[in-house]
Amino acid sequence: AALAESLAFFAPELELVSLPAWDCLPYDRVSPNAEVASRRMDTLCRLAEGAAPDLVLTTVNAAGQRLPTRDTVRAATFSAGVGDDIDSQALLAYLARNGYGRTGTVREPGEFAVRGGIIDIFPPGRAEPLRLDLFGDTLDGVRLFDPLSQLTSDRIQEFRLEPVSEVQLDTAS
């Protein structure tokens, strides 16, 4: 963290991505912190898409941990734009398969909530969650909202979802 802060101060033009280590041991009874897992997946998705940052900052523990393949990470992203047709059941299956947890109210990365034709999702790597407004199977609008007040702040035209977990919960695994 200190090195990342120093680099941001001394070389602000440098594109830096961070790959943190898990904050627990493999096969431990607790899962990694949601923030750590979402930062890891955000970095892995950026790298799998071919992004070439100036520097990848990581630790020995993080470098020694097993990672999913690029093809697995690339295949696990989901994107859509306003006006696209979205099968809500397929979207909910995608969210469950990729480590998102269903809650009543979305407050932190990796959570989603469903209320009729509105689906709230907090994807990893985003500062604010998304509120998808579906009219039947058509994506009518996408808005950003504050997770504390639940008030919308801005509209966007398209979005991309990344997995929350590095472990894919599908029939093959």
C-alpha atoms as a PDB file:
ATOM      1  CA  ALA A   1       0.000   0.000   0.000  1.00  0.00           C
ATOM      2  CA  ALA A   2       2.845   2.366   0.833  1.00  0.00           C
ATOM      3  CA  LEU A   3       4.541   1.631  -2.500  1.00  0.00           C
ATOM      4  CA  ALA A   4       1.288   2.259  -4.398  1.00  0.00           C
ATOM      5  CA  GLU A   5       0.848   5.605  -2.616  1.00  0.00           C
ATOM      6  CA  SER A   6       4.462   6.576  -3.330  1.00  0.00           C
ATOM      7  CA  LEU A   7       4.118   5.674  -7.008  1.00  0.00           C
ATOM      8  CA  ALA A   8       0.900   7.684  -7.273  1.00  0.00           C
ATOM      9  CA  PHE A   9       2.713  10.695  -5.815  1.00  0.00           C
ATOM     10  CA  PHE A  10       6.021  10.468  -7.699  1.00  0.00           C
ATOM     11  CA  ALA A  11       4.698   9.109 -11.016  1.00  0.00           C
ATOM     12  CA  PRO A  12       0.996  10.045 -11.340  1.00  0.00           C
ATOM     13  CA  GLU A  13       1.038   9.346 -15.099  1.00  0.00           C
ATOM     14  CA  LEU A  14       1.989   5.705 -14.468  1.00  0.00           C
ATOM     15  CA  GLU A  15      -0.880   3.255 -15.052  1.00  0.00           C
ATOM     16  CA  LEU A  16      -0.813   0.972 -12.033  1.00  0.00           C
ATOM     17  CA  VAL A  17      -2.956  -2.082 -11.286  1.00  0.00           C
ATOM     18  CA  SER A  18      -2.820  -3.958  -8.008  1.00  0.00           C
ATOM     19  CA  LEU A  19      -3.177  -7.707  -7.451  1.00  0.00           C
ATOM     20  CA  PRO A  20      -3.532  -8.175  -3.678  1.00  0.00           C
ATOM     21  CA  ALA A  21      -3.091 -11.483  -1.880  1.00  0.00           C
ATOM     22  CA  TRP A  22      -6.007 -13.160  -0.181  1.00  0.00           C
ATOM     23  CA  ASP A  23      -6.434 -12.171   3.437  1.00  0.00           C
ATOM     24  CA  CYS A  24      -6.980 -15.792   4.490  1.00  0.00           C
ATOM     25  CA  LEU A  25      -5.337 -19.139   3.907  1.00  0.00           C
ATOM     26  CA  PRO A  26      -6.496 -21.571   1.195  1.00  0.00           C
ATOM     27  CA  TYR A  27      -9.076 -24.069   2.482  1.00  0.00           C
ATOM     28  CA  ASP A  28      -9.668 -21.888   5.534  1.00  0.00           C
ATOM     29  CA  ARG A  29     -13.155 -21.734   7.042  1.00  0.00           C
ATOM     30  CA  VAL A  30     -13.565 -18.091   6.041  1.00  0.00           C
ATOM     31  CA  SER A  31     -13.685 -16.685   2.531  1.00  0.00           C
ATOM     32  CA  PRO A  32     -11.462 -13.839   1.388  1.00  0.00           C
ATOM     33  CA  ASN A  33     -12.705 -10.331   2.100  1.00  0.00           C
ATOM     34  CA  ALA A  34     -15.153  -9.180  -0.607  1.00  0.00           C
ATOM     35  CA  GLU A  35     -13.100  -6.043  -1.294  1.00  0.00           C
ATOM     36  CA  VAL A  36      -9.883  -8.052  -1.765  1.00  0.00           C
ATOM     37  CA  ALA A  37     -11.617 -10.593  -4.010  1.00  0.00           C
ATOM     38  CA  SER A  38     -13.207  -7.859  -6.131  1.00  0.00           C
ATOM     39  CA  ARG A  39      -9.894  -5.996  -6.538  1.00  0.00           C
ATOM     40  CA  ARG A  40      -8.202  -9.241  -7.607  1.00  0.00           C
ATOM     41  CA  MET A  41     -10.912 -10.057 -10.154  1.00  0.00           C
ATOM     42  CA  ASP A  42     -10.931  -6.512 -11.526  1.00  0.00           C
ATOM     43  CA  THR A  43      -7.172  -6.733 -12.136  1.00  0.00           C
ATOM     44  CA  LEU A  44      -7.423 -10.221 -13.644  1.00  0.00           C
ATOM     45  CA  CYS A  45     -10.224  -9.126 -16.009  1.00  0.00           C
ATOM     46  CA  ARG A  46      -8.246  -6.092 -17.149  1.00  0.00           C
ATOM     47  CA  LEU A  47      -5.188  -8.238 -17.817  1.00  0.00           C
ATOM     48  CA  ALA A  48      -7.203 -10.974 -19.573  1.00  0.00           C
ATOM     49  CA  GLU A  49      -8.722  -8.416 -21.945  1.00  0.00           C
ATOM     50  CA  GLY A  50      -5.252  -7.433 -23.097  1.00  0.00           C
ATOM     51  CA  ALA A  51      -4.801  -4.251 -21.095  1.00  0.00           C
ATOM     52  CA  ALA A  52      -1.128  -3.413 -20.789  1.00  0.00           C
ATOM     53  CA  PRO A  53      -0.666  -1.357 -17.636  1.00  0.00           C
ATOM     54  CA  ASP A  54       2.737   0.177 -16.946  1.00  0.00           C
ATOM     55  CA  LEU A  55       3.053  -1.736 -13.692  1.00  0.00           C
ATOM     56  CA  VAL A  56       1.327  -4.624 -11.919  1.00  0.00           C
ATOM     57  CA  LEU A  57       1.895  -4.273  -8.202  1.00  0.00           C
ATOM     58  CA  THR A  58       1.584  -7.484  -6.207  1.00  0.00           C
ATOM     59  CA  THR A  59       3.128  -9.413  -3.333  1.00  0.00           C
ATOM     60  CA  VAL A  60       4.987 -12.704  -3.163  1.00  0.00           C
ATOM     61  CA  ASN A  61       1.949 -14.347  -1.541  1.00  0.00           C
ATOM     62  CA  ALA A  62      -0.367 -13.099  -4.309  1.00  0.00           C
ATOM     63  CA  ALA A  63       2.057 -14.176  -7.050  1.00  0.00           C
ATOM     64  CA  GLY A  64       2.238 -17.658  -5.530  1.00  0.00           C
ATOM     65  CA  GLN A  65      -1.522 -18.182  -5.473  1.00  0.00           C
ATOM     66  CA  ARG A  66      -3.181 -20.168  -8.226  1.00  0.00           C
ATOM     67  CA  LEU A  67      -5.101 -18.009 -10.726  1.00  0.00           C
ATOM     68  CA  PRO A  68      -7.819 -18.832 -13.246  1.00  0.00           C
ATOM     69  CA  THR A  69      -6.761 -18.960 -16.890  1.00  0.00           C
ATOM     70  CA  ARG A  70      -7.197 -15.968 -19.209  1.00  0.00           C
ATOM     71  CA  ASP A  71      -9.840 -17.809 -21.221  1.00  0.00           C
ATOM     72  CA  THR A  72     -11.818 -18.588 -18.072  1.00  0.00           C
ATOM     73  CA  VAL A  73     -11.723 -14.949 -16.961  1.00  0.00           C
ATOM     74  CA  ARG A  74     -12.566 -13.647 -20.457  1.00  0.00           C
ATOM     75  CA  ALA A  75     -15.532 -16.018 -20.770  1.00  0.00           C
ATOM     76  CA  ALA A  76     -16.893 -14.976 -17.378  1.00  0.00           C
ATOM     77  CA  THR A  77     -17.584 -11.326 -18.242  1.00  0.00           C
ATOM     78  CA  PHE A  78     -21.042 -10.055 -19.179  1.00  0.00           C
ATOM     79  CA  SER A  79     -21.836  -6.757 -20.877  1.00  0.00           C
ATOM     80  CA  ALA A  80     -24.972  -5.069 -22.162  1.00  0.00           C
ATOM     81  CA  GLY A  81     -26.300  -1.687 -23.152  1.00  0.00           C
ATOM     82  CA  VAL A  82     -29.556   0.207 -22.979  1.00  0.00           C
ATOM     83  CA  GLY A  83     -31.987  -1.258 -25.504  1.00  0.00           C
ATOM     84  CA  ASP A  84     -30.460  -4.753 -25.461  1.00  0.00           C
ATOM     85  CA  ASP A  85     -32.597  -7.803 -24.758  1.00  0.00           C
ATOM     86  CA  ILE A  86     -31.603  -9.516 -21.516  1.00  0.00           C
ATOM     87  CA  ASP A  87     -32.993 -12.780 -20.217  1.00  0.00           C
ATOM     88  CA  SER A  88     -33.364 -11.929 -16.533  1.00  0.00           C
ATOM     89  CA  GLN A  89     -33.219 -15.593 -15.471  1.00  0.00           C
ATOM     90  CA  ALA A  90     -29.972 -16.076 -17.422  1.00  0.00           C
ATOM     91  CA  LEU A  91     -28.576 -12.917 -15.807  1.00  0.00           C
ATOM     92  CA  LEU A  92     -29.497 -14.163 -12.326  1.00  0.00           C
ATOM     93  CA  ALA A  93     -27.887 -17.540 -13.117  1.00  0.00           C
ATOM     94  CA  TYR A  94     -24.748 -15.699 -14.309  1.00  0.00           C
ATOM     95  CA  LEU A  95     -24.611 -13.737 -11.047  1.00  0.00           C
ATOM     96  CA  ALA A  96     -24.987 -16.870  -8.899  1.00  0.00           C
ATOM     97  CA  ARG A  97     -22.423 -18.809 -10.958  1.00  0.00           C
ATOM     98  CA  ASN A  98     -19.840 -16.007 -10.664  1.00  0.00           C
ATOM     99  CA  GLY A  99     -19.916 -15.524  -6.910  1.00  0.00           C
ATOM    100  CA  TYR A 100     -22.472 -12.739  -6.425  1.00  0.00           C
ATOM    101  CA  GLY A 101     -24.629 -13.044  -3.311  1.00  0.00           C
ATOM    102  CA  ARG A 102     -28.338 -12.224  -3.309  1.00  0.00           C
ATOM    103  CA  THR A 103     -29.404  -9.746  -0.635  1.00  0.00           C
ATOM    104  CA  GLY A 104     -32.372  -7.546   0.133  1.00  0.00           C
ATOM    105  CA  THR A 105     -30.361  -4.341  -0.283  1.00  0.00           C
ATOM    106  CA  VAL A 106     -27.095  -3.958  -2.199  1.00  0.00           C
ATOM    107  CA  ARG A 107     -24.400  -2.364  -0.036  1.00  0.00           C
ATOM    108  CA  GLU A 108     -20.997  -3.837  -0.973  1.00  0.00           C
ATOM    109  CA  PRO A 109     -19.205  -5.361  -3.979  1.00  0.00           C
ATOM    110  CA  GLY A 110     -20.418  -8.809  -4.957  1.00  0.00           C
ATOM    111  CA  GLU A 111     -24.060  -8.348  -3.971  1.00  0.00           C
ATOM    112  CA  PHE A 112     -27.239  -8.191  -6.044  1.00  0.00           C
ATOM    113  CA  ALA A 113     -30.915  -7.629  -5.287  1.00  0.00           C
ATOM    114  CA  VAL A 114     -34.057  -8.172  -7.357  1.00  0.00           C
ATOM    115  CA  ARG A 115     -37.263  -6.177  -7.000  1.00  0.00           C
ATOM    116  CA  GLY A 116     -39.626  -6.893  -9.880  1.00  0.00           C
ATOM    117  CA  GLY A 117     -38.122  -5.462 -13.070  1.00  0.00           C
ATOM    118  CA  ILE A 118     -35.276  -3.755 -11.205  1.00  0.00           C
ATOM    119  CA  ILE A 119     -31.996  -5.545 -10.549  1.00  0.00           C
ATOM    120  CA  ASP A 120     -29.345  -3.873  -8.374  1.00  0.00           C
ATOM    121  CA  ILE A 121     -25.794  -5.179  -8.834  1.00  0.00           C
ATOM    122  CA  PHE A 122     -22.528  -4.090  -7.218  1.00  0.00           C
ATOM    123  CA  PRO A 123     -19.813  -5.408  -9.563  1.00  0.00           C
ATOM    124  CA  PRO A 124     -16.159  -5.579  -8.561  1.00  0.00           C
ATOM    125  CA  GLY A 125     -13.975  -2.678  -9.628  1.00  0.00           C
ATOM    126  CA  ARG A 126     -16.754  -0.071  -9.531  1.00  0.00           C
ATOM    127  CA  ALA A 127     -17.132   2.715  -7.001  1.00  0.00           C
ATOM    128  CA  GLU A 128     -20.935   2.644  -7.262  1.00  0.00           C
ATOM    129  CA  PRO A 129     -23.436  -0.164  -7.839  1.00  0.00           C
ATOM    130  CA  LEU A 130     -25.689  -0.425 -10.893  1.00  0.00           C
ATOM    131  CA  ARG A 131     -29.473  -0.332 -11.038  1.00  0.00           C
ATOM    132  CA  LEU A 132     -30.804  -2.144 -14.116  1.00  0.00           C
ATOM    133  CA  ASP A 133     -34.344  -1.207 -15.133  1.00  0.00           C
ATOM    134  CA  LEU A 134     -35.900  -3.941 -17.263  1.00  0.00           C
ATOM    135  CA  PHE A 135     -39.083  -3.493 -19.260  1.00  0.00           C
ATOM    136  CA  GLY A 136     -39.965  -7.094 -20.050  1.00  0.00           C
ATOM    137  CA  ASP A 137     -36.743  -8.483 -21.509  1.00  0.00           C
ATOM    138  CA  THR A 138     -35.438  -5.107 -22.711  1.00  0.00           C
ATOM    139  CA  LEU A 139     -32.887  -3.130 -20.719  1.00  0.00           C
ATOM    140  CA  ASP A 140     -34.689   0.192 -20.386  1.00  0.00           C
ATOM    141  CA  GLY A 141     -32.051   2.031 -18.347  1.00  0.00           C
ATOM    142  CA  VAL A 142     -28.909   1.711 -16.269  1.00  0.00           C
ATOM    143  CA  ARG A 143     -28.317   4.063 -13.356  1.00  0.00           C
ATOM    144  CA  LEU A 144     -25.592   4.384 -10.752  1.00  0.00           C
ATOM    145  CA  PHE A 145     -26.671   4.734  -7.139  1.00  0.00           C
ATOM    146  CA  ASP A 146     -25.280   5.383  -3.683  1.00  0.00           C
ATOM    147  CA  PRO A 147     -25.225   2.126  -1.664  1.00  0.00           C
ATOM    148  CA  LEU A 148     -25.907   3.941   1.625  1.00  0.00           C
ATOM    149  CA  SER A 149     -28.829   6.166   0.632  1.00  0.00           C
ATOM    150  CA  GLN A 150     -29.986   3.976  -2.315  1.00  0.00           C
ATOM    151  CA  LEU A 151     -30.551   7.184  -4.328  1.00  0.00           C
ATOM    152  CA  THR A 152     -29.601   7.169  -8.010  1.00  0.00           C
ATOM    153  CA  SER A 153     -26.928   9.604  -9.105  1.00  0.00           C
ATOM    154  CA  ASP A 154     -26.207   9.186 -12.813  1.00  0.00           C
ATOM    155  CA  ARG A 155     -27.309   7.344 -15.956  1.00  0.00           C
ATOM    156  CA  ILE A 156     -24.964   5.275 -18.109  1.00  0.00           C
ATOM    157  CA  GLN A 157     -25.572   3.649 -21.483  1.00  0.00           C
ATOM    158  CA  GLU A 158     -23.720   0.353 -21.027  1.00  0.00           C
ATOM    159  CA  PHE A 159     -22.150  -1.784 -18.333  1.00  0.00           C
ATOM    160  CA  ARG A 160     -19.834  -4.740 -17.900  1.00  0.00           C
ATOM    161  CA  LEU A 161     -19.976  -7.343 -15.136  1.00  0.00           C
ATOM    162  CA  GLU A 162     -16.977  -9.265 -13.886  1.00  0.00           C
ATOM    163  CA  PRO A 163     -16.936 -12.324 -11.629  1.00  0.00           C
ATOM    164  CA  VAL A 164     -16.657 -11.735  -7.905  1.00  0.00           C
ATOM    165  CA  SER A 165     -14.917 -15.001  -7.226  1.00  0.00           C
ATOM    166  CA  GLU A 166     -11.976 -16.650  -8.909  1.00  0.00           C
ATOM    167  CA  VAL A 167     -13.774 -19.980  -8.489  1.00  0.00           C
ATOM    168  CA  GLN A 168     -16.417 -20.615 -11.140  1.00  0.00           C
ATOM    169  CA  LEU A 169     -19.407 -22.493  -9.754  1.00  0.00           C
ATOM    170  CA  ASP A 170     -20.404 -24.482 -12.834  1.00  0.00           C
ATOM    171  CA  THR A 171     -20.871 -28.164 -13.627  1.00  0.00           C
ATOM    172  CA  ALA A 172     -17.245 -28.608 -14.747  1.00  0.00           C
ATOM    173  CA  SER A 173     -15.842 -27.342 -11.450  1.00  0.00           C
END
